[in-house]
Structures are given as structure tokens and as C-alpha cells.
C-alpha atoms as a PDB file:
ATOM      1  CA  MET A   1       0.151  -0.157   0.036  1.00  0.00           C
ATOM      2  CA  ASN A   2       1.307   3.910  -1.156  1.00  0.00           C
ATOM      3  CA  PRO A   3       1.508   6.363   1.575  1.00  0.00           C
ATOM      4  CA  PRO A   4      -1.565   8.990   1.423  1.00  0.00           C
ATOM      5  CA  ALA A   5       0.020  12.264  -0.932  1.00  0.00           C
ATOM      6  CA  ALA A   6       1.615  14.406   0.706  1.00  0.00           C
ATOM      7  CA  ARG A   7      -1.213  17.976   0.963  1.00  0.00           C
ATOM      8  CA  PRO A   8       0.441  21.551   1.723  1.00  0.00           C
ATOM      9  CA  GLY A   9       0.738  22.398   4.986  1.00  0.00           C
ATOM     10  CA  ASP A  10       1.209  19.136   6.530  1.00  0.00           C
ATOM     11  CA  GLY A  11       5.462  19.305   7.100  1.00  0.00           C
ATOM     12  CA  PRO A  12       8.729  18.333   5.974  1.00  0.00           C
ATOM     13  CA  ALA A  13       8.140  14.904   6.933  1.00  0.00           C
ATOM     14  CA  ALA A  14       5.097  14.447   4.619  1.00  0.00           C
ATOM     15  CA  GLU A  15       6.652  17.101   1.911  1.00  0.00           C
ATOM     16  CA  ALA A  16       9.056  13.927   1.143  1.00  0.00           C
ATOM     17  CA  ALA A  17       5.946  12.003  -0.011  1.00  0.00           C
ATOM     18  CA  TRP A  18       9.028  12.402  -3.144  1.00  0.00           C
ATOM     19  CA  PHE A  19      10.406   8.722  -1.789  1.00  0.00           C
ATOM     20  CA  ALA A  20       7.359   7.202  -1.374  1.00  0.00           C
ATOM     21  CA  ARG A  21       9.056   4.094  -3.667  1.00  0.00           C
ATOM     22  CA  GLY A  22      11.593   4.210  -2.092  1.00  0.00           C
ATOM     23  CA  LEU A  23      15.545   4.696  -1.904  1.00  0.00           C
ATOM     24  CA  ARG A  24      18.364   2.612  -2.662  1.00  0.00           C
ATOM     25  CA  PHE A  25      21.582   3.135  -0.664  1.00  0.00           C
ATOM     26  CA  GLU A  26      24.779   1.049   1.106  1.00  0.00           C
ATOM     27  CA  CYS A  27      27.353   2.953   3.185  1.00  0.00           C
ATOM     28  CA  SER A  28      31.280   2.201   0.764  1.00  0.00           C
ATOM     29  CA  ALA A  29      32.933   3.747   3.949  1.00  0.00           C
ATOM     30  CA  CYS A  30      34.595   6.014   2.185  1.00  0.00           C
ATOM     31  CA  GLY A  31      33.897   8.693   5.491  1.00  0.00           C
ATOM     32  CA  LYS A  32      32.580  11.409   3.094  1.00  0.00           C
ATOM     33  CA  CYS A  33      30.152  11.490   5.559  1.00  0.00           C
ATOM     34  CA  CYS A  34      32.846  12.666   7.893  1.00  0.00           C
ATOM     35  CA  SER A  35      33.490  15.672   6.777  1.00  0.00           C
ATOM     36  CA  ASN A  36      32.019  18.875   7.518  1.00  0.00           C
ATOM     37  CA  HIS A  37      29.550  20.561   4.521  1.00  0.00           C
ATOM     38  CA  GLY A  38      29.188  22.846   6.554  1.00  0.00           C
ATOM     39  CA  ASP A  39      25.546  24.887   6.268  1.00  0.00           C
ATOM     40  CA  GLY A  40      24.031  23.138   9.750  1.00  0.00           C
ATOM     41  CA  TYR A  41      25.966  20.109   8.593  1.00  0.00           C
ATOM     42  CA  GLU A  42      28.815  20.723  10.429  1.00  0.00           C
ATOM     43  CA  PHE A  43      28.460  19.049  13.822  1.00  0.00           C
ATOM     44  CA  VAL A  44      28.290  15.437  15.142  1.00  0.00           C
ATOM     45  CA  TRP A  45      25.495  15.169  18.225  1.00  0.00           C
ATOM     46  CA  SER A  46      25.621  12.330  20.940  1.00  0.00           C
ATOM     47  CA  ARG A  47      23.382  11.044  23.384  1.00  0.00           C
ATOM     48  CA  HIS A  48      24.236  10.880  26.486  1.00  0.00           C
ATOM     49  CA  GLU A  49      24.090   7.248  26.577  1.00  0.00           C
ATOM     50  CA  GLU A  50      26.164   6.872  23.390  1.00  0.00           C
ATOM     51  CA  ARG A  51      29.006   8.735  25.181  1.00  0.00           C
ATOM     52  CA  VAL A  52      28.715   6.957  28.194  1.00  0.00           C
ATOM     53  CA  ALA A  53      29.155   3.162  25.598  1.00  0.00           C
ATOM     54  CA  LEU A  54      32.535   5.309  24.196  1.00  0.00           C
ATOM     55  CA  ALA A  55      33.801   6.058  27.427  1.00  0.00           C
ATOM     56  CA  ARG A  56      33.420   2.814  28.601  1.00  0.00           C
ATOM     57  CA  HIS A  57      35.463   2.145  25.283  1.00  0.00           C
ATOM     58  CA  PHE A  58      38.376   4.049  25.719  1.00  0.00           C
ATOM     59  CA  GLY A  59      38.541   3.338  29.499  1.00  0.00           C
ATOM     60  CA  VAL A  60      38.005   6.550  30.704  1.00  0.00           C
ATOM     61  CA  SER A  61      35.336   8.037  32.649  1.00  0.00           C
ATOM     62  CA  LEU A  62      32.436  10.661  31.593  1.00  0.00           C
ATOM     63  CA  GLU A  63      33.623  13.451  31.883  1.00  0.00           C
ATOM     64  CA  GLU A  64      36.703  12.952  30.945  1.00  0.00           C
ATOM     65  CA  PHE A  65      35.327  11.470  27.921  1.00  0.00           C
ATOM     66  CA  GLU A  66      32.941  14.873  26.927  1.00  0.00           C
ATOM     67  CA  GLN A  67      36.683  17.037  28.163  1.00  0.00           C
ATOM     68  CA  THR A  68      38.905  15.047  25.264  1.00  0.00           C
ATOM     69  CA  TRP A  69      36.212  14.561  22.659  1.00  0.00           C
ATOM     70  CA  CYS A  70      33.860  16.799  23.341  1.00  0.00           C
ATOM     71  CA  GLU A  71      32.694  20.375  23.008  1.00  0.00           C
ATOM     72  CA  SER A  72      29.983  22.037  24.262  1.00  0.00           C
ATOM     73  CA  VAL A  73      28.966  24.036  20.461  1.00  0.00           C
ATOM     74  CA  GLU A  74      25.118  24.980  21.172  1.00  0.00           C
ATOM     75  CA  HIS A  75      23.964  26.185  25.230  1.00  0.00           C
ATOM     76  CA  GLY A  76      21.697  24.035  26.482  1.00  0.00           C
ATOM     77  CA  ALA A  77      21.800  21.305  23.809  1.00  0.00           C
ATOM     78  CA  GLU A  78      24.003  17.652  24.005  1.00  0.00           C
ATOM     79  CA  PRO A  79      27.736  18.255  23.417  1.00  0.00           C
ATOM     80  CA  SER A  80      29.183  17.542  19.356  1.00  0.00           C
ATOM     81  CA  PHE A  81      32.028  15.962  18.778  1.00  0.00           C
ATOM     82  CA  LYS A  82      35.378  17.734  18.155  1.00  0.00           C
ATOM     83  CA  SER A  83      36.333  18.157  14.751  1.00  0.00           C
ATOM     84  CA  ARG A  84      39.501  17.716  13.528  1.00  0.00           C
ATOM     85  CA  GLY A  85      40.707  20.093  10.500  1.00  0.00           C
ATOM     86  CA  GLN A  86      37.192  19.724   8.747  1.00  0.00           C
ATOM     87  CA  ALA A  87      36.284  16.501  10.085  1.00  0.00           C
ATOM     88  CA  CYS A  88      35.312  14.495  12.808  1.00  0.00           C
ATOM     89  CA  ILE A  89      37.843  13.689  15.538  1.00  0.00           C
ATOM     90  CA  PHE A  90      36.863   9.794  15.126  1.00  0.00           C
ATOM     91  CA  LEU A  91      37.485   9.818  11.930  1.00  0.00           C
ATOM     92  CA  GLN A  92      41.240   8.676  11.090  1.00  0.00           C
ATOM     93  CA  ASP A  93      42.347   7.950   7.624  1.00  0.00           C
ATOM     94  CA  GLY A  94      39.396   7.694   5.597  1.00  0.00           C
ATOM     95  CA  ARG A  95      37.502   5.940   7.606  1.00  0.00           C
ATOM     96  CA  CYS A  96      35.213   5.760  11.752  1.00  0.00           C
ATOM     97  CA  SER A  97      37.990   4.301  14.334  1.00  0.00           C
ATOM     98  CA  VAL A  98      34.678   4.255  16.257  1.00  0.00           C
ATOM     99  CA  TYR A  99      32.614   2.458  13.971  1.00  0.00           C
ATOM    100  CA  ALA A 100      30.546   0.089  16.174  1.00  0.00           C
ATOM    101  CA  LEU A 101      29.759   2.736  19.040  1.00  0.00           C
ATOM    102  CA  ARG A 102      28.867   5.695  16.323  1.00  0.00           C
ATOM    103  CA  PRO A 103      26.186   7.573  17.160  1.00  0.00           C
ATOM    104  CA  SER A 104      22.574   7.516  15.320  1.00  0.00           C
ATOM    105  CA  GLN A 105      23.513  10.727  13.927  1.00  0.00           C
ATOM    106  CA  CYS A 106      26.343   8.705  11.999  1.00  0.00           C
ATOM    107  CA  ARG A 107      24.105   5.440  12.301  1.00  0.00           C
ATOM    108  CA  THR A 108      21.065   6.853  10.346  1.00  0.00           C
ATOM    109  CA  PHE A 109      22.737   9.483   8.017  1.00  0.00           C
ATOM    110  CA  PRO A 110      21.229   9.712   4.821  1.00  0.00           C
ATOM    111  CA  PHE A 111      17.973   9.116   6.284  1.00  0.00           C
ATOM    112  CA  TRP A 112      17.623  12.316   8.152  1.00  0.00           C
ATOM    113  CA  PRO A 113      14.371  14.827   8.417  1.00  0.00           C
ATOM    114  CA  GLU A 114      16.380  17.640   6.854  1.00  0.00           C
ATOM    115  CA  LEU A 115      17.804  15.689   3.753  1.00  0.00           C
ATOM    116  CA  LEU A 116      14.892  14.200   3.132  1.00  0.00           C
ATOM    117  CA  VAL A 117      12.603  17.353   3.115  1.00  0.00           C
ATOM    118  CA  ASP A 118      12.689  17.256  -0.804  1.00  0.00           C
ATOM    119  CA  GLU A 119      14.696  15.728  -4.014  1.00  0.00           C
ATOM    120  CA  ASP A 120      16.077  18.696  -4.568  1.00  0.00           C
ATOM    121  CA  THR A 121      17.957  18.953  -0.953  1.00  0.00           C
ATOM    122  CA  TRP A 122      18.874  15.589  -0.959  1.00  0.00           C
ATOM    123  CA  GLN A 123      20.818  15.928  -4.494  1.00  0.00           C
ATOM    124  CA  ARG A 124      22.136  19.251  -3.508  1.00  0.00           C
ATOM    125  CA  ASP A 125      23.014  17.450   0.280  1.00  0.00           C
ATOM    126  CA  VAL A 126      23.574  13.709  -0.233  1.00  0.00           C
ATOM    127  CA  ALA A 127      23.656  12.640  -3.791  1.00  0.00           C
ATOM    128  CA  SER A 128      26.534  15.454  -4.533  1.00  0.00           C
ATOM    129  CA  PHE A 129      28.749  13.635  -2.269  1.00  0.00           C
ATOM    130  CA  CYS A 130      27.937  10.452  -1.305  1.00  0.00           C
ATOM    131  CA  PRO A 131      28.717   7.110  -3.707  1.00  0.00           C
ATOM    132  CA  GLY A 132      26.186   4.913  -1.485  1.00  0.00           C
ATOM    133  CA  VAL A 133      23.767   7.011  -2.787  1.00  0.00           C
ATOM    134  CA  GLY A 134      21.408   5.053  -5.411  1.00  0.00           C
ATOM    135  CA  GLN A 135      23.521   2.488  -4.695  1.00  0.00           C
ATOM    136  CA  GLY A 136      23.386  -1.612  -2.722  1.00  0.00           C
ATOM    137  CA  PRO A 137      19.160  -1.709  -1.478  1.00  0.00           C
ATOM    138  CA  LEU A 138      15.883  -0.835  -1.674  1.00  0.00           C
ATOM    139  CA  HIS A 139      15.461   0.397   1.665  1.00  0.00           C
ATOM    140  CA  SER A 140      10.909   0.796   2.015  1.00  0.00           C
ATOM    141  CA  HIS A 141       9.325   4.449   2.423  1.00  0.00           C
ATOM    142  CA  GLU A 142       8.370   2.502   5.781  1.00  0.00           C
ATOM    143  CA  SER A 143      12.164   1.486   7.067  1.00  0.00           C
ATOM    144  CA  ILE A 144      13.100   5.338   5.819  1.00  0.00           C
ATOM    145  CA  ARG A 145      10.619   6.605   8.367  1.00  0.00           C
ATOM    146  CA  ALA A 146      11.987   4.357  11.233  1.00  0.00           C
ATOM    147  CA  GLN A 147      15.444   5.724  10.450  1.00  0.00           C
ATOM    148  CA  MET A 148      13.983   9.229  10.477  1.00  0.00           C
ATOM    149  CA  ARG A 149      12.619   9.133  13.478  1.00  0.00           C
ATOM    150  CA  ARG A 150      16.163   7.825  15.243  1.00  0.00           C
ATOM    151  CA  SER A 151      17.806  10.248  13.457  1.00  0.00           C
ATOM    152  CA  GLU A 152      15.953  12.962  16.285  1.00  0.00           C
ATOM    153  CA  LEU A 153      17.928  13.493  18.817  1.00  0.00           C
END
């Protein structure tokens, strides 16, 4: 069954019906999504429990982990991972050094609500640099929506 067509005024989520037939995507592990693309895409956010898991991984306290690998970029917001140059601090030799413990923001890329507003945004902000777009399995509309919900902090 196809989802209902978007109606004007339904908001960004409903307007994303352009992907109602699904999208092909498979991560190529190129690391390009870990680099700063500017214009709102320069931070890697993480949840408290994700930082706790990473602190355990490194054998340090949460406080030490946050002081070493995180920074506060917005008042009251969860800390962001620091950048090294124009990339996430955990990007090493073009690969994520904490891939198994990467935060939900990374796990759900490229299926973020702000990237799926319309096809033009998808082409400009994802397909223009990500070699995984159009490759691999077809992700259904429903699975994309589920990823979108998981991506929101």
C-alpha cells in the first residue's frame, strides 16, 4: 500500500513523499559523510548513553571523555564531537575509528528529516558527495521513516 500523497501544509515529513517508492543506499565506508559540509552539517551530535558507551570503550570517565573528545556548540544542547580540521575527530585514515559505537546521527545517515524534505535537498546535500546513493538495497518508505525518527535527538 502506498502512503497518502503529501498535502500542502503537512510539514516537511509529509512533503518528503517524493521517496514513497523507497531509495537505494548502501554505505561505502568512504568517510565523506564524516567531513564538514557546512550550512548546519558541521556537528556530530550524540546522546548521553552513546557517550557513556564510548567512554567505557576508551576506559575513561564520561567527564574525561567529554573533555577530550567533545565540545559544547549550542547552549543547552548535547555536546558535539570535536572536529579535527574539517572532519569528525574519530575519522582516522578515511574511516570511522569508533564505527561499532558511532552515534545514531551517524547510524541513520542519510535518512535524516532535513535531508529528505524534497528531492532537490537530497541531491544537493547527499547525492552530490555520497557514493552510496543509488547503490545497494532498496530501503522502503517505512524503513526510511523509521530511520528518520531514530535520527532525531
